[in-house]
Amino acid sequence: MTLHFLRIPAAFVFSTALLATSALAQTRPAVPQSPYGGLTVEDIVAHVNDQIITQSDYYRAMKEADEEAKQHGATMQQISEGHKDLLRSLIDQQLWLSKAKELGIDGNTELIKRLDEIRKQYNLETLEDLEKAAKEQGVSFEDFKANIRNQIITQQVMREEVGRRVQFTPGEVERYYEQHKQDYVKPESVQLSEILVSTGADPDDAAKVAAGKAKADDIEAKLHAGGDFAQLAKSFSDGTTAADGGNFGTFHHGDGGLAKVFEDAVFSLKTGQSTDPIRTRQGFIIFRVDQHIPGGVPAYKDVEQEVEQSYYLSRMEPAMRDYLTQMREEAYIDIKPGYADTGASPKEIKPVYSAYAPPSAKKKKKVERTRFRETTHAFRQKSPQALASASPATATKKDVSLTTQKPGKKEKIRFGQAPSKTLPAARSAATEDAGAVAPAAAAAPELANPLEASDKPTQRTRFSARAKTEKKPKGTSARPPGDAPPAPDAAEVADRQAQAAPLGLGGDTSATKKKRTKTTTGEKTRLTDEKKKEQPPATDSGATPSAPASQTTPPAPQQ
């Protein structure tokens, strides 16, 4: 048994059939030799993201496409023109598979269902029998399953990413039918069933011919009596279609599918009518017209589903092409020279190759480490005027370096040890004249700047050595005799006495304080006793108030 289903092409054939356009045929490029010698085991035609398309994949796909085209009766020119879209279809397939990974589509469940349908179609018991049948025909069962899986995944991604976005209304479908009526014009056709009564291998045998004639007339009589044609075909037909109820197929008027005598007999009948027994070399045959479709433009309701499918494909094709172009622009695609991708986009990101050049080593700059930012302190550097006025002989390298020092790490200074890097060296040039000195005093000796370092190194002494120096008695001035201030005169002494005197109230400058005199006269009493005396005693309401027996004089207010 030959299993023709094993020769189905990969998913790219589906895409090629849907998106094919006219172009020149692509020839096979010559395989370049390796510059390092030896033979190339496998050549890579294209990189698509993290996948590759090898040269063996390319030629295997070309072989499958050619076989598929030959089965459909394509000419050599059509087969050659199909080669130009071969690489585009392979790249499209890899793009669909990459998108399926992003969406989490693997197609394993649908693959098992599809293999089981194929097994039932060819009446096989198990999938192992299907694998054995593939090996007997020299077809790799793993490649066969991979092709079916890729086709399933491609169709699912198409429906998910493109198909669900293509929407239309019944009105749009009907308008499409009105614009493409000529595409649905069909010739007159009939669908037939047969009952064959064989007369043997010898058509000239009169006895067998007579027996066959009698049998065919008996079947015709049963048909006219209302018998079931399919049941009679299963019971009395000698043809190969008996098990199928005599189903003979569909034939168009004038296409040569039927002999002239049969065509004249069946196209004159209506649906449900049958012919008289017709004599042939095999015997007597009776045809029944299961369906008679007149030629011309059919009504919209008769071809509504077909029109919807055609309109959907007309919308699906450009949408899918645009989506593939978008995926190409977002993907990494590198094609070997000599091959062409007919679906390439001008906005694709092309990889750029260049020779590797190691970076040049940076030259380290010699920087003098300092503790402070010398460039920010004016007292540690010379002014531009002083540097400009100095002669080239006196402008030493050390003077210039003071203005260009950079900050560095702090110097570690030990106790009792002077710093060696943080302090600048003494400057031998004269100090600048900022113009603060009057012209008359220009001849005066120049005062030393206490902030600048002296040219003479200072003599350092220890603390123990300082304690042995001679101490001066108290009351003596440490200032030299020539620097003593002049004695104050009489006016300055009087001013000092007036300033040292205390200030009093009302101009009274006497230092003595006056003692406060007591002005209170009479007997002293407590405040609580006075409150008790002020309360009047309890008397009769009708009595007249009388004067108090004794009256106490309140104390006089103190000054």
Protein backbone atom coordinates (compact mmCIF):
# COMPACT_ATOMS: atom_id res chain seq x y z
CA MET A 1 0.00 0.00 0.00
CA THR A 2 1.35 3.38 -0.98
CA LEU A 3 0.75 6.26 1.47
CA HIS A 4 0.77 9.40 -0.61
CA PHE A 5 0.14 11.55 2.44
CA LEU A 6 3.73 11.10 3.49
CA ARG A 7 4.79 13.38 0.63
CA ILE A 8 3.04 16.47 1.92
CA PRO A 9 5.33 19.52 2.01
CA ALA A 10 6.39 21.53 4.99
CA ALA A 11 4.61 24.60 6.31
CA PHE A 12 6.55 26.88 3.99
CA VAL A 13 4.74 25.33 1.01
CA PHE A 14 1.48 26.60 2.46
CA SER A 15 2.92 30.06 2.82
CA THR A 16 4.41 29.93 -0.68
CA ALA A 17 1.10 28.97 -2.25
CA LEU A 18 -0.60 31.81 -0.44
CA LEU A 19 1.93 34.57 -1.06
CA ALA A 20 3.55 33.64 -4.39
CA THR A 21 4.33 36.43 -6.83
CA SER A 22 6.06 36.48 -10.21
CA ALA A 23 9.87 36.88 -10.40
CA LEU A 24 12.92 35.35 -12.00
CA ALA A 25 14.06 31.88 -11.01
CA GLN A 26 16.86 31.62 -8.49
CA THR A 27 19.82 29.43 -9.39
CA ARG A 28 21.87 27.46 -6.95
CA PRO A 29 25.01 29.36 -5.97
CA ALA A 30 28.39 27.69 -6.04
CA VAL A 31 29.70 26.52 -2.68
CA PRO A 32 32.83 28.57 -1.81
CA GLN A 33 35.92 26.77 -0.56
CA SER A 34 37.12 27.34 2.97
CA PRO A 35 40.21 29.61 3.23
CA TYR A 36 41.58 27.31 5.93
CA GLY A 37 41.49 24.22 3.72
CA GLY A 38 39.41 21.09 4.05
CA LEU A 39 35.76 20.54 3.19
CA THR A 40 32.72 22.34 4.54
CA VAL A 41 30.41 19.82 6.22
CA GLU A 42 27.32 22.06 6.40
CA ASP A 43 26.86 25.52 4.93
CA ILE A 44 24.52 28.06 6.57
CA VAL A 45 22.26 29.93 4.18
CA ALA A 46 20.58 32.31 6.63
CA HIS A 47 20.43 33.23 10.33
CA VAL A 48 16.96 34.06 11.66
CA ASN A 49 17.12 35.19 15.29
CA ASP A 50 18.51 32.18 17.17
CA GLN A 51 17.77 29.68 14.36
CA ILE A 52 19.66 28.80 11.19
CA ILE A 53 18.67 27.60 7.72
CA THR A 54 21.24 25.22 6.30
CA GLN A 55 21.91 24.43 2.69
CA SER A 56 20.55 20.90 3.12
CA ASP A 57 17.30 22.38 4.48
CA TYR A 58 17.12 24.61 1.44
CA TYR A 59 17.60 21.79 -1.09
CA ARG A 60 15.26 19.43 0.76
CA ALA A 61 12.54 22.09 0.75
CA MET A 62 13.12 22.68 -2.95
CA LYS A 63 12.71 18.96 -3.69
CA GLU A 64 9.46 18.72 -1.72
CA ALA A 65 8.07 21.82 -3.43
CA ASP A 66 8.90 20.41 -6.88
CA GLU A 67 7.18 17.11 -6.10
CA GLU A 68 4.11 18.90 -4.78
CA ALA A 69 3.93 21.08 -7.87
CA LYS A 70 4.25 18.05 -10.19
CA GLN A 71 1.36 16.34 -8.40
CA HIS A 72 -0.81 19.36 -9.20
CA GLY A 73 0.23 19.29 -12.86
CA ALA A 74 2.48 22.35 -12.85
CA THR A 75 4.79 23.00 -15.79
CA MET A 76 8.57 23.25 -15.55
CA GLN A 77 8.40 27.02 -15.96
CA GLN A 78 5.98 27.31 -13.05
CA ILE A 79 8.18 25.06 -10.92
CA SER A 80 11.24 27.15 -11.75
CA GLU A 81 9.43 30.39 -10.90
CA GLY A 82 8.46 28.92 -7.53
CA HIS A 83 12.12 28.60 -6.54
CA LYS A 84 12.54 32.36 -6.19
CA ASP A 85 10.19 32.47 -3.17
CA LEU A 86 11.71 29.41 -1.54
CA LEU A 87 14.08 31.25 0.83
CA ARG A 88 11.39 33.78 1.67
CA SER A 89 9.07 30.93 2.70
CA LEU A 90 11.77 29.33 4.87
CA ILE A 91 12.45 32.65 6.63
CA ASP A 92 8.70 33.21 7.08
CA GLN A 93 8.41 29.79 8.70
CA GLN A 94 11.21 30.58 11.18
CA LEU A 95 9.57 33.91 12.01
CA TRP A 96 6.26 32.17 12.71
CA LEU A 97 8.01 29.61 14.90
CA SER A 98 9.83 32.37 16.82
CA LYS A 99 6.53 34.15 17.43
CA ALA A 100 4.99 30.83 18.56
CA LYS A 101 7.69 30.56 21.26
CA GLU A 102 6.76 34.00 22.52
CA LEU A 103 3.07 33.04 22.63
CA GLY A 104 3.71 29.61 24.18
CA ILE A 105 2.25 27.61 21.25
CA ASP A 106 3.78 24.14 20.74
CA GLY A 107 1.09 22.33 18.70
CA ASN A 108 1.70 18.93 20.37
CA THR A 109 -1.98 18.22 21.10
CA GLU A 110 -3.08 19.11 17.59
CA LEU A 111 -0.22 17.02 16.16
CA ILE A 112 -1.47 13.85 17.86
CA LYS A 113 -5.00 14.45 16.57
CA ARG A 114 -3.74 15.01 13.02
CA LEU A 115 -1.64 11.81 13.04
CA ASP A 116 -4.59 9.83 14.34
CA GLU A 117 -6.78 11.17 11.52
CA ILE A 118 -4.17 10.08 8.98
CA ARG A 119 -4.00 6.65 10.61
CA LYS A 120 -7.76 6.22 10.33
CA GLN A 121 -7.73 7.46 6.74
CA TYR A 122 -5.42 4.64 5.68
CA ASN A 123 -7.01 1.98 7.93
CA LEU A 124 -3.99 1.46 10.16
CA GLU A 125 -4.25 0.05 13.66
CA THR A 126 -1.70 2.10 15.59
CA LEU A 127 0.73 4.96 15.11
CA GLU A 128 3.55 2.42 15.07
CA ASP A 129 2.02 0.98 11.90
CA LEU A 130 2.00 4.47 10.45
CA GLU A 131 5.70 4.84 11.27
CA LYS A 132 6.49 1.49 9.66
CA ALA A 133 4.64 2.47 6.51
CA ALA A 134 6.69 5.69 6.34
CA LYS A 135 9.97 3.81 6.69
CA GLU A 136 8.96 1.36 3.97
CA GLN A 137 8.62 4.27 1.54
CA GLY A 138 11.99 5.73 2.60
CA VAL A 139 10.49 8.75 4.41
CA SER A 140 11.79 9.88 7.81
CA PHE A 141 8.88 9.76 10.23
CA GLU A 142 10.48 12.44 12.44
CA ASP A 143 10.75 14.84 9.51
CA PHE A 144 7.16 14.04 8.60
CA LYS A 145 5.98 14.88 12.13
CA ALA A 146 8.12 18.04 12.20
CA ASN A 147 6.52 19.23 8.96
CA ILE A 148 3.01 18.67 10.31
CA ARG A 149 3.87 20.36 13.62
CA ASN A 150 5.33 23.40 11.84
CA GLN A 151 2.22 23.66 9.69
CA ILE A 152 -0.04 23.47 12.75
CA ILE A 153 1.98 26.08 14.65
CA THR A 154 2.05 28.40 11.63
CA GLN A 155 -1.72 28.23 11.18
CA GLN A 156 -2.36 28.83 14.89
CA VAL A 157 -0.10 31.89 14.99
CA MET A 158 -1.71 33.21 11.80
CA ARG A 159 -5.17 32.92 13.36
CA GLU A 160 -4.04 34.43 16.66
CA GLU A 161 -2.00 37.37 15.37
CA VAL A 162 -3.57 38.14 11.98
CA GLY A 163 -6.80 36.20 11.43
CA ARG A 164 -8.65 37.51 14.47
CA ARG A 165 -7.95 41.08 13.35
CA VAL A 166 -9.53 40.55 9.92
CA GLN A 167 -13.22 41.29 10.36
CA PHE A 168 -15.94 41.91 7.80
CA THR A 169 -19.73 42.21 7.52
CA PRO A 170 -22.20 40.24 5.35
CA GLY A 171 -22.73 43.37 3.28
CA GLU A 172 -19.05 43.51 2.37
CA VAL A 173 -19.15 39.84 1.30
CA GLU A 174 -22.19 40.41 -0.91
CA ARG A 175 -20.61 43.45 -2.55
CA TYR A 176 -17.49 41.36 -3.17
CA TYR A 177 -19.66 38.75 -4.89
CA GLU A 178 -21.27 41.38 -7.13
CA GLN A 179 -17.82 42.62 -8.18
CA HIS A 180 -16.47 39.09 -8.87
CA LYS A 181 -19.45 37.30 -10.33
CA GLN A 182 -17.45 36.06 -13.30
CA ASP A 183 -15.13 34.19 -10.94
CA TYR A 184 -18.04 32.00 -9.85
CA VAL A 185 -19.40 31.12 -13.29
CA LYS A 186 -19.67 27.33 -13.40
CA PRO A 187 -20.21 25.03 -16.39
CA GLU A 188 -23.08 22.59 -16.46
CA SER A 189 -22.25 19.53 -14.35
CA VAL A 190 -23.84 16.34 -13.09
CA GLN A 191 -23.10 14.08 -10.16
CA LEU A 192 -23.60 10.43 -11.13
CA SER A 193 -24.00 6.96 -9.61
CA GLU A 194 -23.63 3.71 -11.57
CA ILE A 195 -24.69 0.08 -11.61
CA LEU A 196 -22.54 -2.15 -13.85
CA VAL A 197 -23.67 -5.58 -15.07
CA SER A 198 -20.62 -7.38 -16.44
CA THR A 199 -20.84 -9.63 -19.54
CA GLY A 200 -17.38 -11.17 -19.12
CA ALA A 201 -14.10 -10.64 -20.88
CA ASP A 202 -15.47 -11.68 -24.30
CA PRO A 203 -17.95 -9.10 -25.58
CA ASP A 204 -18.99 -11.34 -28.45
CA ASP A 205 -20.32 -14.14 -26.19
CA ALA A 206 -24.06 -14.04 -27.06
CA ALA A 207 -25.16 -16.15 -24.05
CA LYS A 208 -23.41 -13.88 -21.52
CA VAL A 209 -24.62 -10.79 -23.32
CA ALA A 210 -28.21 -12.03 -23.17
CA ALA A 211 -27.91 -12.94 -19.51
CA GLY A 212 -26.49 -9.52 -18.76
CA LYS A 213 -29.22 -7.85 -20.71
CA ALA A 214 -31.88 -9.70 -18.75
CA LYS A 215 -30.25 -8.80 -15.43
CA ALA A 216 -29.95 -5.11 -16.36
CA ASP A 217 -33.61 -4.99 -17.43
CA ASP A 218 -34.64 -6.53 -14.11
CA ILE A 219 -32.68 -3.84 -12.17
CA GLU A 220 -34.23 -1.11 -14.31
CA ALA A 221 -37.69 -2.47 -13.50
CA LYS A 222 -36.92 -2.34 -9.79
CA LEU A 223 -35.74 1.25 -10.11
CA HIS A 224 -38.96 2.25 -11.86
CA ALA A 225 -40.84 0.48 -9.06
CA GLY A 226 -39.20 2.80 -6.51
CA GLY A 227 -36.20 0.77 -5.44
CA ASP A 228 -33.17 2.38 -3.74
CA PHE A 229 -30.41 2.91 -6.30
CA ALA A 230 -27.58 2.74 -3.73
CA GLN A 231 -28.90 -0.47 -2.22
CA LEU A 232 -29.37 -2.08 -5.66
CA ALA A 233 -25.81 -1.04 -6.58
CA LYS A 234 -24.42 -2.75 -3.50
CA SER A 235 -26.42 -5.89 -4.22
CA PHE A 236 -26.15 -6.33 -8.04
CA SER A 237 -23.39 -4.04 -9.36
CA ASP A 238 -20.18 -5.67 -10.61
CA GLY A 239 -18.22 -2.43 -10.65
CA THR A 240 -15.59 -1.15 -8.19
CA THR A 241 -18.02 1.45 -6.85
CA ALA A 242 -20.51 -1.12 -5.54
CA ALA A 243 -19.32 -0.88 -1.94
CA ASP A 244 -19.78 2.91 -2.04
CA GLY A 245 -23.35 2.69 -3.31
CA GLY A 246 -22.30 3.21 -6.93
CA ASN A 247 -20.92 6.77 -6.45
CA PHE A 248 -19.31 7.56 -9.82
CA GLY A 249 -18.28 11.22 -9.38
CA THR A 250 -19.00 14.68 -10.82
CA PHE A 251 -18.52 15.57 -14.49
CA HIS A 252 -18.73 18.84 -16.41
CA HIS A 253 -20.34 19.21 -19.79
CA GLY A 254 -17.84 19.24 -22.62
CA ASP A 255 -14.66 18.65 -20.57
CA GLY A 256 -14.14 15.16 -21.99
CA GLY A 257 -14.56 13.35 -18.71
CA LEU A 258 -17.39 11.20 -20.11
CA ALA A 259 -17.72 9.45 -23.40
CA LYS A 260 -19.95 11.10 -25.98
CA VAL A 261 -22.66 8.47 -25.65
CA PHE A 262 -22.74 8.77 -21.86
CA GLU A 263 -22.66 12.59 -21.92
CA ASP A 264 -25.63 12.78 -24.29
CA ALA A 265 -27.61 10.39 -22.08
CA VAL A 266 -27.03 11.94 -18.64
CA PHE A 267 -27.07 15.70 -19.37
CA SER A 268 -30.60 15.43 -20.76
CA LEU A 269 -31.91 14.11 -17.41
CA LYS A 270 -32.99 15.89 -14.30
CA THR A 271 -31.91 15.28 -10.75
CA GLY A 272 -33.09 11.85 -9.55
CA GLN A 273 -33.67 10.32 -12.99
CA SER A 274 -31.76 7.28 -14.32
CA THR A 275 -30.82 6.10 -17.82
CA ASP A 276 -31.74 2.91 -19.61
CA PRO A 277 -29.10 0.13 -19.67
CA ILE A 278 -26.30 1.24 -22.00
CA ARG A 279 -24.21 -1.43 -23.75
CA THR A 280 -20.42 -1.16 -23.28
CA ARG A 281 -17.45 -3.51 -23.79
CA GLN A 282 -17.59 -4.42 -20.12
CA GLY A 283 -21.33 -5.04 -20.09
CA PHE A 284 -24.46 -3.00 -19.37
CA ILE A 285 -24.31 0.17 -17.25
CA ILE A 286 -27.13 2.23 -15.71
CA PHE A 287 -26.49 5.84 -14.59
CA ARG A 288 -28.54 7.88 -12.15
CA VAL A 289 -28.23 11.69 -11.94
CA ASP A 290 -27.81 12.51 -8.26
CA GLN A 291 -27.48 16.25 -8.93
CA HIS A 292 -27.75 18.29 -12.10
CA ILE A 293 -26.23 21.75 -11.80
CA PRO A 294 -27.06 24.06 -14.71
CA GLY A 295 -24.26 26.28 -16.07
CA GLY A 296 -23.97 30.07 -15.66
CA VAL A 297 -23.65 32.42 -12.68
CA PRO A 298 -25.07 30.78 -9.54
CA ALA A 299 -27.19 32.64 -7.00
CA TYR A 300 -25.45 34.25 -4.03
CA LYS A 301 -27.14 31.94 -1.52
CA ASP A 302 -25.79 28.89 -3.37
CA VAL A 303 -22.17 30.03 -3.15
CA GLU A 304 -22.28 32.17 0.01
CA GLN A 305 -19.74 30.10 1.95
CA GLU A 306 -17.37 29.98 -1.01
CA VAL A 307 -17.59 33.76 -1.43
CA GLU A 308 -16.91 34.32 2.27
CA GLN A 309 -13.81 32.14 2.06
CA SER A 310 -12.55 33.98 -1.01
CA TYR A 311 -13.16 37.40 0.57
CA TYR A 312 -11.43 36.32 3.78
CA LEU A 313 -8.34 35.17 1.85
CA SER A 314 -8.28 38.43 -0.11
CA ARG A 315 -8.14 40.35 3.19
CA MET A 316 -5.85 37.89 4.92
CA GLU A 317 -3.05 37.89 2.36
CA PRO A 318 -1.99 41.59 2.58
CA ALA A 319 -2.50 41.63 6.35
CA MET A 320 -0.26 38.62 6.76
CA ARG A 321 2.37 40.09 4.43
CA ASP A 322 2.41 43.31 6.46
CA TYR A 323 2.75 41.37 9.70
CA LEU A 324 5.65 39.36 8.31
CA THR A 325 7.35 42.57 7.19
CA GLN A 326 6.97 43.96 10.70
CA MET A 327 8.48 40.80 12.18
CA ARG A 328 11.37 41.06 9.72
CA GLU A 329 12.10 44.61 10.88
CA GLU A 330 12.15 43.50 14.51
CA ALA A 331 14.21 40.33 13.94
CA TYR A 332 17.87 39.61 13.26
CA ILE A 333 18.25 38.20 9.73
CA ASP A 334 21.59 37.56 8.05
CA ILE A 335 21.57 35.98 4.57
CA LYS A 336 24.58 34.46 2.87
CA PRO A 337 25.72 36.25 -0.30
CA GLY A 338 24.28 34.60 -3.39
CA TYR A 339 20.80 34.10 -1.90
CA ALA A 340 17.94 36.59 -2.04
CA ASP A 341 14.95 37.15 0.24
CA THR A 342 12.08 38.43 -1.89
CA GLY A 343 10.13 39.48 1.22
CA ALA A 344 12.91 41.64 2.70
CA SER A 345 12.04 45.06 4.11
CA PRO A 346 14.20 48.14 3.47
CA LYS A 347 13.96 48.94 7.21
CA GLU A 348 15.61 45.73 8.31
CA ILE A 349 18.61 46.04 10.62
CA LYS A 350 21.58 44.64 8.72
CA PRO A 351 24.55 43.32 10.72
CA VAL A 352 27.80 45.20 10.16
CA TYR A 353 31.12 43.37 10.34
CA SER A 354 34.44 45.12 10.94
CA ALA A 355 37.99 44.08 11.80
CA TYR A 356 38.75 44.04 15.51
CA ALA A 357 41.17 46.74 16.65
CA PRO A 358 42.34 46.64 20.30
CA PRO A 359 42.05 49.96 22.12
CA SER A 360 45.25 51.96 22.50
CA ALA A 361 46.79 52.15 25.96
CA LYS A 362 46.25 55.46 27.73
CA LYS A 363 49.37 57.38 28.72
CA LYS A 364 49.43 58.04 32.42
CA LYS A 365 49.96 61.64 33.44
CA LYS A 366 52.47 62.42 36.15
CA VAL A 367 50.65 64.32 38.86
CA GLU A 368 52.34 65.77 41.94
CA ARG A 369 50.40 64.80 45.02
CA THR A 370 49.34 67.74 47.18
CA ARG A 371 47.17 68.01 50.24
CA PHE A 372 45.23 71.15 49.37
CA ARG A 373 43.85 72.50 46.13
CA GLU A 374 46.72 74.80 45.43
CA THR A 375 44.97 76.48 42.49
CA THR A 376 42.23 77.89 44.72
CA HIS A 377 44.43 79.73 47.27
CA ALA A 378 45.93 83.01 46.15
CA PHE A 379 48.54 83.11 48.94
CA ARG A 380 50.11 79.85 47.69
CA GLN A 381 50.69 80.88 44.12
CA LYS A 382 52.08 83.79 42.26
CA SER A 383 49.81 86.19 40.48
CA PRO A 384 49.83 86.35 36.67
CA GLN A 385 51.38 89.81 36.83
CA ALA A 386 54.30 88.54 38.85
CA LEU A 387 54.87 85.58 36.57
CA ALA A 388 54.69 87.87 33.53
CA SER A 389 57.13 90.39 35.01
CA ALA A 390 59.63 87.73 35.95
CA SER A 391 62.44 87.11 33.53
CA PRO A 392 62.82 83.74 31.82
CA ALA A 393 65.91 83.10 33.92
CA THR A 394 64.08 83.66 37.21
CA ALA A 395 60.81 81.92 36.15
CA THR A 396 61.85 78.49 37.24
CA LYS A 397 60.02 75.25 36.67
CA LYS A 398 59.10 75.12 40.34
CA ASP A 399 57.34 78.51 40.13
CA VAL A 400 55.26 77.39 37.16
CA SER A 401 54.32 74.13 38.81
CA LEU A 402 52.77 76.02 41.72
CA THR A 403 49.97 77.28 39.49
CA THR A 404 49.24 73.88 37.93
CA GLN A 405 49.29 71.59 40.94
CA LYS A 406 46.38 69.17 41.25
CA PRO A 407 44.84 67.72 44.40
CA GLY A 408 46.03 64.29 45.45
CA LYS A 409 46.07 62.03 48.44
CA LYS A 410 46.69 63.45 51.90
CA GLU A 411 50.23 63.06 53.14
CA LYS A 412 50.69 61.09 56.33
CA ILE A 413 52.66 63.27 58.77
CA ARG A 414 54.16 61.66 61.82
CA PHE A 415 54.41 63.37 65.16
CA GLY A 416 57.46 65.58 65.35
CA GLN A 417 58.16 65.31 61.62
CA ALA A 418 57.58 68.13 59.15
CA PRO A 419 55.62 67.49 55.94
CA SER A 420 57.70 66.95 52.83
CA LYS A 421 55.14 67.13 49.99
CA THR A 422 52.23 69.28 51.11
CA LEU A 423 54.03 72.58 51.68
CA PRO A 424 55.33 74.46 48.64
CA ALA A 425 58.98 75.41 48.33
CA ALA A 426 60.15 78.90 49.17
CA ARG A 427 60.02 81.43 46.38
CA SER A 428 63.12 83.50 45.69
CA ALA A 429 61.38 86.10 43.55
CA ALA A 430 60.36 89.42 45.00
CA THR A 431 56.80 89.92 46.26
CA GLU A 432 54.41 91.65 43.95
CA ASP A 433 53.51 95.30 44.32
CA ALA A 434 49.72 95.54 44.51
CA GLY A 435 49.80 99.36 44.58
CA ALA A 436 48.85 99.71 48.23
CA VAL A 437 52.08 101.53 49.15
CA ALA A 438 52.16 105.30 48.49
CA PRO A 439 54.81 106.65 46.11
CA ALA A 440 56.43 108.55 48.97
CA ALA A 441 56.90 105.40 50.96
CA ALA A 442 58.33 103.44 48.08
CA ALA A 443 61.81 103.75 49.54
CA ALA A 444 60.70 102.26 52.89
CA PRO A 445 61.91 98.73 53.65
CA GLU A 446 59.58 96.02 52.44
CA LEU A 447 57.59 94.29 55.17
CA ALA A 448 57.70 90.51 55.26
CA ASN A 449 54.46 88.66 54.60
CA PRO A 450 53.76 86.51 57.66
CA LEU A 451 51.71 84.08 55.52
CA GLU A 452 54.59 83.35 53.16
CA ALA A 453 57.35 80.99 54.14
CA SER A 454 60.67 82.58 55.01
CA ASP A 455 63.78 81.83 53.05
CA LYS A 456 65.71 81.09 56.26
CA PRO A 457 64.96 77.73 57.80
CA THR A 458 63.70 78.15 61.34
CA GLN A 459 65.63 76.53 64.17
CA ARG A 460 63.45 73.93 65.83
CA THR A 461 63.96 73.30 69.56
CA ARG A 462 62.49 70.76 71.88
CA PHE A 463 60.27 71.65 74.81
CA SER A 464 62.89 70.59 77.31
CA ALA A 465 65.40 72.96 75.71
CA ARG A 466 62.96 75.88 75.96
CA ALA A 467 62.51 75.38 79.69
CA LYS A 468 66.25 76.02 80.31
CA THR A 469 66.11 79.58 78.88
CA GLU A 470 66.45 82.44 81.32
CA LYS A 471 63.16 83.70 82.68
CA LYS A 472 62.58 87.44 83.13
CA PRO A 473 61.37 88.74 86.49
CA LYS A 474 57.80 89.82 86.94
CA GLY A 475 56.97 93.42 86.24
CA THR A 476 59.54 93.74 83.50
CA SER A 477 58.40 94.32 80.00
CA ALA A 478 59.32 91.88 77.27
CA ARG A 479 59.33 94.77 74.85
CA PRO A 480 62.69 96.32 74.05
CA PRO A 481 63.45 99.78 75.61
CA GLY A 482 63.16 101.62 72.38
CA ASP A 483 59.59 100.44 71.79
CA ALA A 484 58.12 101.77 75.18
CA PRO A 485 55.03 104.05 74.76
CA PRO A 486 55.26 107.71 75.90
CA ALA A 487 54.05 108.73 79.44
CA PRO A 488 50.46 110.15 79.66
CA ASP A 489 50.04 113.89 80.19
CA ALA A 490 47.80 115.64 82.79
CA ALA A 491 44.75 115.88 80.51
CA GLU A 492 44.87 112.17 79.70
CA VAL A 493 45.16 111.32 83.41
CA ALA A 494 42.09 113.50 84.21
CA ASP A 495 40.09 111.81 81.45
CA ARG A 496 41.01 108.37 82.74
CA GLN A 497 39.88 109.31 86.28
CA ALA A 498 36.56 110.72 85.03
CA GLN A 499 35.95 107.59 82.96
CA ALA A 500 36.75 105.31 85.90
CA ALA A 501 34.30 107.16 88.32
CA PRO A 502 30.86 105.47 88.84
CA LEU A 503 27.74 107.05 87.41
CA GLY A 504 24.83 107.95 89.79
CA LEU A 505 21.13 108.93 89.44
CA GLY A 506 20.28 112.57 88.82
CA GLY A 507 23.88 113.48 88.16
CA ASP A 508 24.99 112.31 91.61
CA THR A 509 28.40 110.78 91.17
CA SER A 510 29.09 110.16 94.86
CA ALA A 511 30.14 106.63 95.63
CA THR A 512 28.30 106.47 99.00
CA LYS A 513 24.78 105.07 99.15
CA LYS A 514 22.16 106.87 101.25
CA LYS A 515 20.47 104.81 103.93
CA ARG A 516 16.70 104.64 103.73
CA THR A 517 14.98 106.39 106.70
CA LYS A 518 11.96 104.85 108.39
CA THR A 519 8.84 107.09 108.32
CA THR A 520 6.41 104.71 110.10
CA THR A 521 4.94 106.11 113.38
CA GLY A 522 2.67 104.49 115.95
CA GLU A 523 2.22 100.95 117.05
CA LYS A 524 3.04 98.14 114.57
CA THR A 525 0.33 95.63 113.83
CA ARG A 526 0.05 92.54 111.66
CA LEU A 527 -2.10 92.50 108.56
CA THR A 528 -4.14 89.59 109.84
CA ASP A 529 -4.97 91.50 113.02
CA GLU A 530 -6.18 94.49 111.03
CA LYS A 531 -8.63 92.34 109.04
CA LYS A 532 -10.10 90.99 112.26
CA LYS A 533 -10.57 94.44 113.74
CA GLU A 534 -12.34 95.81 110.65
CA GLN A 535 -15.18 93.26 110.95
CA PRO A 536 -18.08 94.82 113.02
CA PRO A 537 -19.46 92.86 115.97
CA ALA A 538 -22.86 91.16 115.82
CA THR A 539 -25.54 93.66 117.13
CA ASP A 540 -29.24 93.90 117.21
CA SER A 541 -30.83 94.94 113.93
CA GLY A 542 -32.71 97.79 115.59
CA ALA A 543 -29.78 99.25 117.44
CA THR A 544 -28.03 102.27 116.17
CA PRO A 545 -24.39 101.99 115.34
CA SER A 546 -22.06 103.42 117.92
CA ALA A 547 -18.57 104.68 117.59
CA PRO A 548 -15.79 102.21 118.18
CA ALA A 549 -14.28 102.18 121.63
CA SER A 550 -10.86 102.71 120.37
CA GLN A 551 -9.48 103.69 116.98
CA THR A 552 -6.19 102.52 115.63
CA THR A 553 -4.22 104.87 113.47
CA PRO A 554 -3.19 103.15 110.25
CA PRO A 555 0.49 103.15 109.50
CA ALA A 556 1.81 105.85 107.30
CA PRO A 557 3.05 104.83 103.91
CA GLN A 558 6.74 104.49 103.60
CA GLN A 559 8.72 106.63 101.22
